[in-house]
Amino acid sequence: MNPISIRLLNQQLYCPQFSEPKQVVSHFGAIQAQEYRMMRWAVEMRTKHPSHRAFQKAFDSGEIIRMHLLRGTWQLISGEDYPWMLSLCAEKAMSVINGWMSANKISIPKEEYLRVSEIIGRATADLGSVTKEDLVEALSRQDITMDDHRLSYHIRMGELTGLLCSGNLHPSRATYSLASEKLNISNPQFSKDEALALLARKYFQSHQPATLEDFVWWSGLNISDCRKAITLLGDELIEENFKGRTFYLTDSCKTRGFSSGRTLLISPYDEYLIGYKSRDIVLSKEFSHLAHNNSGIFYPVIAHDGVICGNWTPHKKEANPTFFEGMKMQDCSKSWELYSEYKKRI
């Protein structure tokens, strides 16, 4: 088994199968979307023909939405997956957010939450797509003032209770809409077992080969639920032992299409790294601090033949590639040209 080439293919970084951004997001189940501008590149670089216009159309129509879900962090998910994923993951995500509030000595009483939710809901219904500034203004009209941190928790709670989801795509900042108006939520709900199996299927088909521990980390669910999800998939998953660890692959695993010599410019918080508990398959431990820090901040990285070997600067006029000590310098010109063409269309 060559885990690097298999990941590159099934993560759609080599020989992408999909033409539409919504297909990529649905394939993954959830794609980390911490940086508002770079989340688009994370999706578009995985399509056959990267198109900002296609991404914006999918985002504005609700085919793709951005919200706090897995691990209480920003994710892109498909509008079709919204009902069952929210039902499956909201309780655990809410417990994470409650823990953060407690650590920051923030308490939001039920009465405050209900009043603020009503105001946020009314303002969002009136405007259709709102920014934080719009919500601050709506609250101030009702003589409510709160700092940005506290308002962020109200918004996250609104997402996890089904009130809010992402609004229309803005060049640089998050927007919000009412989930009931943005999305078609008439889709049938799944049982918990059906939802667990579907989440596991989406994870392993997009991240394979991956371990149970990787799935637990990515999903944010309890290990018992994750074990059950793997069991529910039965013969769909194949076990492979690699360097003393058990990895899972799907019976439809893509294995053909890898070609050596390619260099990729990968966005910060990309699923290629953040989607795994253990990242040593593609990132040497001695360089891990150059790809992410211990506080969960992930940097833009360069991958050559799938191995993380350097950093780059997405928001400058040039890529300015730097390579880790002892790593061979690679030609990033083709990847930068593709990214530059994408950036012009934003």
Protein backbone atom coordinates (compact mmCIF):
# COMPACT_ATOMS: atom_id res chain seq x y z
CA MET A 1 0.00 0.00 0.00
CA ASN A 2 1.21 3.48 -0.89
CA PRO A 3 -0.84 5.64 1.52
CA ILE A 4 0.39 8.96 0.09
CA SER A 5 -0.63 8.31 -3.51
CA ILE A 6 -3.97 6.86 -2.36
CA ARG A 7 -4.71 9.95 -0.27
CA LEU A 8 -3.79 12.30 -3.10
CA LEU A 9 -6.19 10.51 -5.43
CA ASN A 10 -9.12 10.10 -3.05
CA GLN A 11 -8.73 13.60 -1.65
CA GLN A 12 -9.17 14.74 -5.27
CA LEU A 13 -5.80 16.52 -5.30
CA TYR A 14 -4.65 14.35 -8.21
CA CYS A 15 -6.96 13.47 -11.11
CA PRO A 16 -10.08 15.10 -9.63
CA GLN A 17 -13.32 13.33 -10.52
CA PHE A 18 -15.73 16.20 -10.02
CA SER A 19 -16.68 19.24 -12.06
CA GLU A 20 -18.88 21.00 -9.50
CA PRO A 21 -17.82 22.36 -6.07
CA LYS A 22 -20.96 20.89 -4.46
CA GLN A 23 -19.84 17.40 -5.58
CA VAL A 24 -16.47 17.87 -3.87
CA VAL A 25 -18.06 19.00 -0.59
CA SER A 26 -20.57 16.15 -0.67
CA HIS A 27 -17.76 13.65 -1.34
CA PHE A 28 -15.92 14.81 1.80
CA GLY A 29 -18.95 15.21 4.03
CA ALA A 30 -17.30 18.23 5.64
CA ILE A 31 -14.34 20.37 4.58
CA GLN A 32 -12.52 22.58 7.08
CA ALA A 33 -13.30 26.22 6.32
CA GLN A 34 -11.45 28.21 8.96
CA GLU A 35 -10.15 30.90 6.58
CA TYR A 36 -12.97 32.52 4.65
CA ARG A 37 -10.97 33.34 1.53
CA MET A 38 -8.90 30.16 1.38
CA MET A 39 -11.81 27.74 1.88
CA ARG A 40 -12.73 28.42 -1.75
CA TRP A 41 -9.31 27.35 -3.01
CA ALA A 42 -9.47 24.20 -0.87
CA VAL A 43 -12.61 23.19 -2.78
CA GLU A 44 -11.82 24.57 -6.22
CA MET A 45 -8.36 22.98 -6.50
CA ARG A 46 -10.19 19.66 -6.17
CA THR A 47 -12.39 20.25 -9.23
CA LYS A 48 -11.48 19.51 -12.82
CA HIS A 49 -11.66 23.19 -13.79
CA PRO A 50 -11.39 25.56 -10.80
CA SER A 51 -14.12 28.20 -11.04
CA HIS A 52 -14.83 30.88 -8.49
CA ARG A 53 -18.11 31.63 -10.25
CA ALA A 54 -19.21 28.00 -9.80
CA PHE A 55 -18.29 28.11 -6.12
CA GLN A 56 -20.17 31.36 -5.54
CA LYS A 57 -23.26 30.03 -7.31
CA ALA A 58 -23.23 26.88 -5.16
CA PHE A 59 -22.63 28.89 -1.97
CA ASP A 60 -25.28 31.54 -2.62
CA SER A 61 -27.89 28.94 -3.57
CA GLY A 62 -27.33 26.85 -0.45
CA GLU A 63 -25.85 23.87 -2.28
CA ILE A 64 -22.81 24.53 -0.07
CA ILE A 65 -23.02 26.12 3.37
CA ARG A 66 -20.47 27.12 6.00
CA MET A 67 -21.15 26.67 9.69
CA HIS A 68 -19.64 25.51 12.98
CA LEU A 69 -20.22 21.78 13.17
CA LEU A 70 -17.55 19.09 13.62
CA ARG A 71 -15.45 19.81 16.70
CA GLY A 72 -17.31 23.14 16.99
CA THR A 73 -15.16 24.60 14.18
CA TRP A 74 -15.94 26.06 10.75
CA GLN A 75 -16.88 23.50 8.09
CA LEU A 76 -18.26 23.48 4.58
CA ILE A 77 -21.05 20.94 4.15
CA SER A 78 -23.60 20.36 1.42
CA GLY A 79 -27.12 21.69 1.80
CA GLU A 80 -28.41 18.18 1.15
CA ASP A 81 -26.40 16.79 4.07
CA TYR A 82 -27.38 19.58 6.47
CA PRO A 83 -30.42 17.95 8.17
CA TRP A 84 -28.86 14.64 9.13
CA MET A 85 -25.40 16.05 9.91
CA LEU A 86 -26.85 18.69 12.21
CA SER A 87 -28.98 16.08 13.96
CA LEU A 88 -25.97 13.77 14.41
CA CYS A 89 -23.28 16.29 15.37
CA ALA A 90 -24.98 19.29 17.01
CA GLU A 91 -25.14 17.94 20.57
CA LYS A 92 -21.43 17.11 20.71
CA ALA A 93 -20.48 20.39 19.01
CA MET A 94 -22.62 22.32 21.50
CA SER A 95 -20.86 20.64 24.40
CA VAL A 96 -17.52 21.74 22.94
CA ILE A 97 -18.75 25.33 22.63
CA ASN A 98 -20.13 25.26 26.18
CA GLY A 99 -16.69 24.15 27.33
CA TRP A 100 -15.05 27.06 25.53
CA MET A 101 -17.52 29.51 27.07
CA SER A 102 -16.83 28.10 30.52
CA ALA A 103 -13.07 28.42 29.99
CA ASN A 104 -13.58 32.05 28.96
CA LYS A 105 -15.90 32.69 31.93
CA ILE A 106 -18.85 33.43 29.64
CA SER A 107 -22.35 32.40 30.63
CA ILE A 108 -25.39 32.96 28.43
CA PRO A 109 -28.65 32.54 30.38
CA LYS A 110 -31.61 30.98 28.58
CA GLU A 111 -33.57 34.23 28.74
CA GLU A 112 -30.75 36.14 27.03
CA TYR A 113 -30.33 33.47 24.37
CA LEU A 114 -34.05 33.46 23.53
CA ARG A 115 -34.28 37.25 23.30
CA VAL A 116 -31.11 37.60 21.22
CA SER A 117 -32.17 34.73 18.93
CA GLU A 118 -35.49 36.43 18.29
CA ILE A 119 -33.79 39.71 17.35
CA ILE A 120 -31.19 37.95 15.18
CA GLY A 121 -33.89 35.91 13.47
CA ARG A 122 -36.03 38.95 12.73
CA ALA A 123 -33.10 40.99 11.37
CA THR A 124 -31.90 38.10 9.22
CA ALA A 125 -35.38 37.51 7.83
CA ASP A 126 -35.64 41.19 6.89
CA LEU A 127 -32.23 41.44 5.17
CA GLY A 128 -31.87 37.89 3.82
CA SER A 129 -28.09 37.79 4.24
CA VAL A 130 -26.46 39.61 7.16
CA THR A 131 -23.00 40.33 8.53
CA LYS A 132 -22.04 40.57 12.18
CA GLU A 133 -22.22 44.34 11.84
CA ASP A 134 -25.85 44.08 10.75
CA LEU A 135 -26.60 41.99 13.85
CA VAL A 136 -24.78 44.42 16.14
CA GLU A 137 -26.94 47.22 14.73
CA ALA A 138 -30.16 45.20 15.16
CA LEU A 139 -29.26 44.43 18.77
CA SER A 140 -28.34 48.04 19.51
CA ARG A 141 -31.78 49.16 18.35
CA GLN A 142 -33.12 47.01 21.18
CA ASP A 143 -30.61 48.54 23.63
CA ILE A 144 -28.47 45.38 23.70
CA THR A 145 -24.71 45.81 23.55
CA MET A 146 -22.25 42.92 23.62
CA ASP A 147 -18.66 42.36 22.59
CA ASP A 148 -17.72 40.43 19.48
CA HIS A 149 -16.72 37.34 21.44
CA ARG A 150 -20.10 37.00 23.13
CA LEU A 151 -21.98 37.63 19.88
CA SER A 152 -19.90 34.90 18.20
CA TYR A 153 -21.17 32.39 20.75
CA HIS A 154 -24.75 33.48 20.13
CA ILE A 155 -24.23 32.92 16.41
CA ARG A 156 -22.69 29.48 16.95
CA MET A 157 -25.59 28.49 19.17
CA GLY A 158 -27.95 29.77 16.48
CA GLU A 159 -26.24 27.54 13.93
CA LEU A 160 -26.38 24.45 16.12
CA THR A 161 -30.06 24.93 16.99
CA GLY A 162 -30.97 25.18 13.31
CA LEU A 163 -31.69 28.93 13.22
CA LEU A 164 -28.73 30.16 11.15
CA CYS A 165 -26.47 28.99 8.36
CA SER A 166 -24.17 30.88 6.00
CA GLY A 167 -25.58 33.67 3.83
CA ASN A 168 -24.34 34.86 0.44
CA LEU A 169 -20.63 34.77 -0.37
CA HIS A 170 -18.84 37.97 0.65
CA PRO A 171 -15.32 38.84 -0.54
CA SER A 172 -13.83 38.80 2.95
CA ARG A 173 -16.28 38.18 5.80
CA ALA A 174 -18.85 35.69 6.99
CA THR A 175 -22.54 36.28 6.38
CA TYR A 176 -25.59 34.53 7.79
CA SER A 177 -29.07 33.56 6.60
CA LEU A 178 -32.00 31.76 8.15
CA ALA A 179 -31.50 28.04 7.57
CA SER A 180 -35.24 27.63 7.01
CA GLU A 181 -35.14 30.08 4.10
CA LYS A 182 -31.72 29.25 2.66
CA LEU A 183 -32.11 25.47 2.57
CA ASN A 184 -34.58 22.87 1.49
CA ILE A 185 -35.00 21.03 4.78
CA SER A 186 -37.72 18.72 3.54
CA ASN A 187 -35.21 15.91 3.10
CA PRO A 188 -36.10 12.81 5.14
CA GLN A 189 -34.18 12.41 8.39
CA PHE A 190 -32.03 9.35 8.93
CA SER A 191 -31.87 7.20 12.03
CA LYS A 192 -28.72 7.68 14.11
CA ASP A 193 -27.23 4.44 12.77
CA GLU A 194 -27.94 5.49 9.18
CA ALA A 195 -26.34 8.89 9.82
CA LEU A 196 -23.28 7.33 11.49
CA ALA A 197 -22.75 4.97 8.56
CA LEU A 198 -23.12 7.77 6.02
CA LEU A 199 -20.68 10.05 7.86
CA ALA A 200 -18.13 7.23 8.07
CA ARG A 201 -18.60 6.40 4.39
CA LYS A 202 -17.99 10.01 3.39
CA TYR A 203 -14.95 10.29 5.65
CA PHE A 204 -13.18 7.15 4.50
CA GLN A 205 -13.98 7.59 0.80
CA SER A 206 -12.36 11.04 0.89
CA HIS A 207 -9.55 10.52 3.42
CA GLN A 208 -8.52 6.91 2.86
CA PRO A 209 -6.40 5.29 4.04
CA ALA A 210 -7.27 6.48 7.54
CA THR A 211 -7.47 5.00 11.03
CA LEU A 212 -10.22 4.82 13.63
CA GLU A 213 -8.35 7.48 15.61
CA ASP A 214 -8.31 9.74 12.55
CA PHE A 215 -12.08 9.38 12.17
CA VAL A 216 -12.67 10.09 15.86
CA TRP A 217 -10.55 13.26 15.62
CA TRP A 218 -12.19 14.51 12.42
CA SER A 219 -15.80 13.83 13.39
CA GLY A 220 -15.55 14.96 17.00
CA LEU A 221 -17.88 12.10 17.96
CA ASN A 222 -17.42 9.61 20.77
CA ILE A 223 -15.08 6.71 20.03
CA SER A 224 -17.91 4.24 20.66
CA ASP A 225 -20.05 5.90 17.97
CA CYS A 226 -17.10 5.89 15.57
CA ARG A 227 -16.41 2.20 16.17
CA LYS A 228 -20.09 1.49 15.57
CA ALA A 229 -20.04 3.51 12.35
CA ILE A 230 -17.15 1.42 11.01
CA THR A 231 -18.95 -1.78 12.00
CA LEU A 232 -22.13 -0.61 10.26
CA LEU A 233 -20.22 -0.24 6.96
CA GLY A 234 -19.26 -3.91 7.12
CA ASP A 235 -17.68 -5.18 3.89
CA GLU A 236 -17.56 -1.68 2.41
CA LEU A 237 -14.34 -1.15 4.37
CA ILE A 238 -11.11 -3.09 3.95
CA GLU A 239 -8.44 -3.24 6.66
CA GLU A 240 -4.78 -2.72 5.79
CA ASN A 241 -1.88 -2.83 8.22
CA PHE A 242 0.82 -0.24 7.64
CA LYS A 243 3.75 0.26 10.01
CA GLY A 244 1.87 -1.28 12.89
CA ARG A 245 -1.36 0.68 12.45
CA THR A 246 -4.72 -0.45 11.09
CA PHE A 247 -5.97 1.66 8.21
CA TYR A 248 -9.35 1.49 6.50
CA LEU A 249 -10.02 1.80 2.79
CA THR A 250 -13.29 1.55 0.91
CA ASP A 251 -14.04 -1.20 -1.57
CA SER A 252 -14.24 1.52 -4.27
CA CYS A 253 -10.89 3.09 -3.40
CA LYS A 254 -9.29 5.03 -6.25
CA THR A 255 -5.72 3.79 -6.82
CA ARG A 256 -4.89 4.79 -10.40
CA GLY A 257 -3.83 8.18 -11.69
CA PHE A 258 -0.86 9.08 -9.50
CA SER A 259 2.11 10.57 -11.31
CA SER A 260 5.30 11.73 -9.64
CA GLY A 261 6.90 15.13 -9.94
CA ARG A 262 3.91 17.32 -9.04
CA THR A 263 4.00 20.18 -6.55
CA LEU A 264 0.83 21.48 -4.87
CA LEU A 265 0.17 24.77 -3.09
CA ILE A 266 -2.20 23.77 -0.29
CA SER A 267 -4.36 26.15 1.73
CA PRO A 268 -4.10 26.47 5.52
CA TYR A 269 -6.44 24.14 7.42
CA ASP A 270 -6.69 21.88 4.39
CA GLU A 271 -8.20 18.43 4.84
CA TYR A 272 -4.96 16.92 3.55
CA LEU A 273 -3.49 17.64 7.01
CA ILE A 274 -6.24 18.66 9.40
CA GLY A 275 -8.40 15.66 8.47
CA TYR A 276 -6.16 13.25 10.41
CA LYS A 277 -5.15 12.77 14.03
CA SER A 278 -1.73 11.46 12.97
CA ARG A 279 -0.14 13.40 10.13
CA ASP A 280 3.25 11.69 9.96
CA ILE A 281 2.30 9.81 6.77
CA VAL A 282 2.81 13.03 4.77
CA LEU A 283 4.52 15.32 7.29
CA SER A 284 7.74 14.52 9.10
CA LYS A 285 7.39 15.11 12.84
CA GLU A 286 10.53 17.24 12.86
CA PHE A 287 8.76 19.73 10.55
CA SER A 288 5.27 19.60 12.04
CA HIS A 289 5.73 22.96 13.81
CA LEU A 290 6.24 24.56 10.39
CA ALA A 291 2.88 23.27 9.15
CA HIS A 292 0.81 23.92 12.29
CA ASN A 293 1.31 25.02 15.87
CA ASN A 294 0.12 23.48 19.12
CA SER A 295 -2.81 25.92 19.32
CA GLY A 296 -4.44 24.52 16.20
CA ILE A 297 -3.26 27.17 13.73
CA PHE A 298 -2.49 25.60 10.33
CA TYR A 299 -0.28 27.32 7.76
CA PRO A 300 -0.25 27.29 3.93
CA VAL A 301 2.00 24.40 2.89
CA ILE A 302 3.71 23.00 -0.18
CA ALA A 303 3.47 19.31 -1.01
CA HIS A 304 5.77 17.59 -3.50
CA ASP A 305 4.62 14.10 -4.48
CA GLY A 306 2.30 14.40 -1.50
CA VAL A 307 5.02 15.05 1.09
CA ILE A 308 4.73 18.36 2.97
CA CYS A 309 8.03 20.11 2.35
CA GLY A 310 7.57 23.88 2.67
CA ASN A 311 5.40 26.98 3.04
CA TRP A 312 4.00 29.63 0.68
CA THR A 313 2.15 32.98 0.85
CA PRO A 314 -1.33 32.95 -0.70
CA HIS A 315 -2.08 36.66 -0.27
CA LYS A 316 1.08 38.13 -1.80
CA LYS A 317 1.97 38.93 -5.40
CA GLU A 318 4.34 35.96 -5.45
CA ALA A 319 4.19 32.52 -3.87
CA ASN A 320 7.48 33.14 -2.02
CA PRO A 321 8.07 29.42 -1.44
CA THR A 322 10.33 28.41 1.42
CA PHE A 323 11.41 24.83 1.97
CA PHE A 324 12.12 23.02 5.20
CA GLU A 325 15.75 22.55 6.12
CA GLY A 326 17.21 19.64 4.21
CA MET A 327 14.30 19.53 1.75
CA LYS A 328 15.02 19.94 -1.94
CA MET A 329 13.64 23.11 -3.53
CA GLN A 330 10.81 22.38 -5.98
CA ASP A 331 9.40 24.27 -8.93
CA CYS A 332 6.06 25.78 -7.85
CA SER A 333 5.47 27.86 -11.00
CA LYS A 334 2.70 25.73 -12.50
CA SER A 335 0.79 25.54 -9.24
CA TRP A 336 1.23 29.27 -8.65
CA GLU A 337 -0.01 30.00 -12.16
CA LEU A 338 -3.17 27.97 -11.51
CA TYR A 339 -3.71 29.68 -8.16
CA SER A 340 -3.07 33.13 -9.67
CA GLU A 341 -5.68 32.55 -12.35
CA TYR A 342 -8.14 31.51 -9.67
CA LYS A 343 -7.29 34.59 -7.55
CA LYS A 344 -7.96 36.97 -10.45
CA ARG A 345 -11.56 35.76 -10.61
CA ILE A 346 -12.33 36.45 -6.94
